[in-house]
Amino acid sequence: MIFSSVLRNNNRAIFVGNETGGNPIVMAGYLIKTSWKLPNTKIQIGIGSLCRIYGDLSLNQGRGLVPDFIIKTTAEDILSLKDRHLNYTLKLIGDLK
């Protein structure tokens, strides 16, 4: 998600396919080297407590990275081994020439 977010923010890619998981603006960060032991179970836990903002926070819609061209995969595509994402992308590249 971080890589695709950087590409999107710098207008370095066109995205084709389905919405990604995660969030292109707010990234869960890294784990601080702090942990706690739960009192009853004695299980040791750590919580990711830092995050990184990769864009204008007011643009956060609480969704993943939405592609420029949404291509829905159907069961028929899978059964026939048809790659509509690749075919659409190749057509886009051909149209740009």
Protein backbone atom coordinates (compact mmCIF):
# COMPACT_ATOMS: atom_id res chain seq x y z
CA MET A 1 0.00 0.00 0.00
CA ILE A 2 2.80 2.45 0.79
CA PHE A 3 4.40 2.00 -2.63
CA SER A 4 1.12 2.45 -4.51
CA SER A 5 0.25 5.49 -2.38
CA VAL A 6 3.55 7.15 -3.21
CA LEU A 7 3.03 6.43 -6.91
CA ARG A 8 -0.50 7.90 -6.76
CA ASN A 9 0.58 11.00 -4.82
CA ASN A 10 3.32 11.72 -7.36
CA ASN A 11 1.19 10.96 -10.44
CA ARG A 12 3.60 8.20 -11.47
CA ALA A 13 1.09 5.41 -12.24
CA ILE A 14 -2.36 4.61 -13.55
CA PHE A 15 -4.14 2.01 -11.47
CA VAL A 16 -6.32 -0.65 -13.07
CA GLY A 17 -8.29 -3.31 -11.21
CA ASN A 18 -9.91 -3.45 -7.81
CA GLU A 19 -9.74 -1.27 -4.73
CA THR A 20 -6.83 -2.25 -2.50
CA GLY A 21 -7.00 -3.04 1.15
CA GLY A 22 -5.46 -0.65 3.61
CA ASN A 23 -5.63 3.11 3.33
CA PRO A 24 -3.57 5.27 0.96
CA ILE A 25 -3.50 8.30 3.30
CA VAL A 26 -3.10 6.88 6.82
CA MET A 27 -0.66 4.03 7.29
CA ALA A 28 -0.37 2.02 10.45
CA GLY A 29 3.13 2.54 11.58
CA TYR A 30 5.83 0.61 13.23
CA LEU A 31 5.83 -0.90 16.66
CA ILE A 32 7.43 1.01 19.47
CA LYS A 33 9.70 -1.32 21.42
CA THR A 34 7.23 -1.29 24.27
CA SER A 35 5.08 -4.17 25.35
CA TRP A 36 2.66 -4.96 28.11
CA LYS A 37 1.83 -8.15 29.91
CA LEU A 38 -1.87 -8.79 30.36
CA PRO A 39 -2.60 -9.22 34.07
CA ASN A 40 -4.72 -12.38 33.98
CA THR A 41 -3.28 -14.38 31.08
CA LYS A 42 0.27 -13.02 31.29
CA ILE A 43 0.26 -12.79 27.49
CA GLN A 44 2.72 -10.18 26.31
CA ILE A 45 1.35 -7.73 23.71
CA GLY A 46 2.63 -4.81 21.70
CA ILE A 47 0.50 -2.19 20.03
CA GLY A 48 1.37 -0.29 16.88
CA SER A 49 1.12 3.18 18.27
CA LEU A 50 2.63 5.37 15.58
CA CYS A 51 1.23 6.08 12.16
CA ARG A 52 2.38 7.87 9.06
CA ILE A 53 0.28 10.26 7.00
CA TYR A 54 0.95 10.03 3.23
CA GLY A 55 -1.19 12.85 1.97
CA ASP A 56 -3.80 15.39 2.91
CA LEU A 57 -5.64 13.94 5.90
CA SER A 58 -8.82 15.77 4.87
CA LEU A 59 -8.89 13.53 1.75
CA ASN A 60 -9.05 10.36 3.83
CA GLN A 61 -12.23 8.51 2.92
CA GLY A 62 -11.53 5.46 5.05
CA ARG A 63 -11.11 3.30 1.95
CA GLY A 64 -8.29 1.60 0.13
CA LEU A 65 -6.66 2.99 -2.99
CA VAL A 66 -9.43 3.21 -5.59
CA PRO A 67 -8.09 2.50 -9.09
CA ASP A 68 -8.42 4.94 -11.97
CA PHE A 69 -10.13 2.20 -13.97
CA ILE A 70 -12.19 -0.32 -11.99
CA ILE A 71 -12.29 -3.78 -13.55
CA LYS A 72 -14.54 -6.34 -11.92
CA THR A 73 -13.44 -9.96 -12.17
CA THR A 74 -16.24 -12.41 -12.85
CA ALA A 75 -16.45 -16.13 -12.17
CA GLU A 76 -16.49 -16.63 -15.93
CA ASP A 77 -13.15 -14.80 -16.21
CA ILE A 78 -11.60 -17.13 -13.66
CA LEU A 79 -13.01 -20.29 -15.24
CA SER A 80 -11.87 -19.27 -18.73
CA LEU A 81 -8.47 -18.00 -17.45
CA LYS A 82 -9.29 -14.60 -18.95
CA ASP A 83 -7.22 -11.77 -17.46
CA ARG A 84 -9.40 -8.70 -17.99
CA HIS A 85 -7.04 -6.52 -15.93
CA LEU A 86 -4.07 -7.32 -18.17
CA ASN A 87 -6.10 -6.99 -21.38
CA TYR A 88 -7.46 -3.60 -20.32
CA THR A 89 -3.99 -2.40 -19.29
CA LEU A 90 -2.48 -3.47 -22.63
CA LYS A 91 -5.29 -1.62 -24.45
CA LEU A 92 -4.57 1.51 -22.38
CA ILE A 93 -0.88 1.31 -23.27
CA GLY A 94 -1.75 0.86 -26.94
CA ASP A 95 -4.08 3.88 -26.85
CA LEU A 96 -1.30 6.06 -25.36
CA LYS A 97 1.02 5.45 -28.34
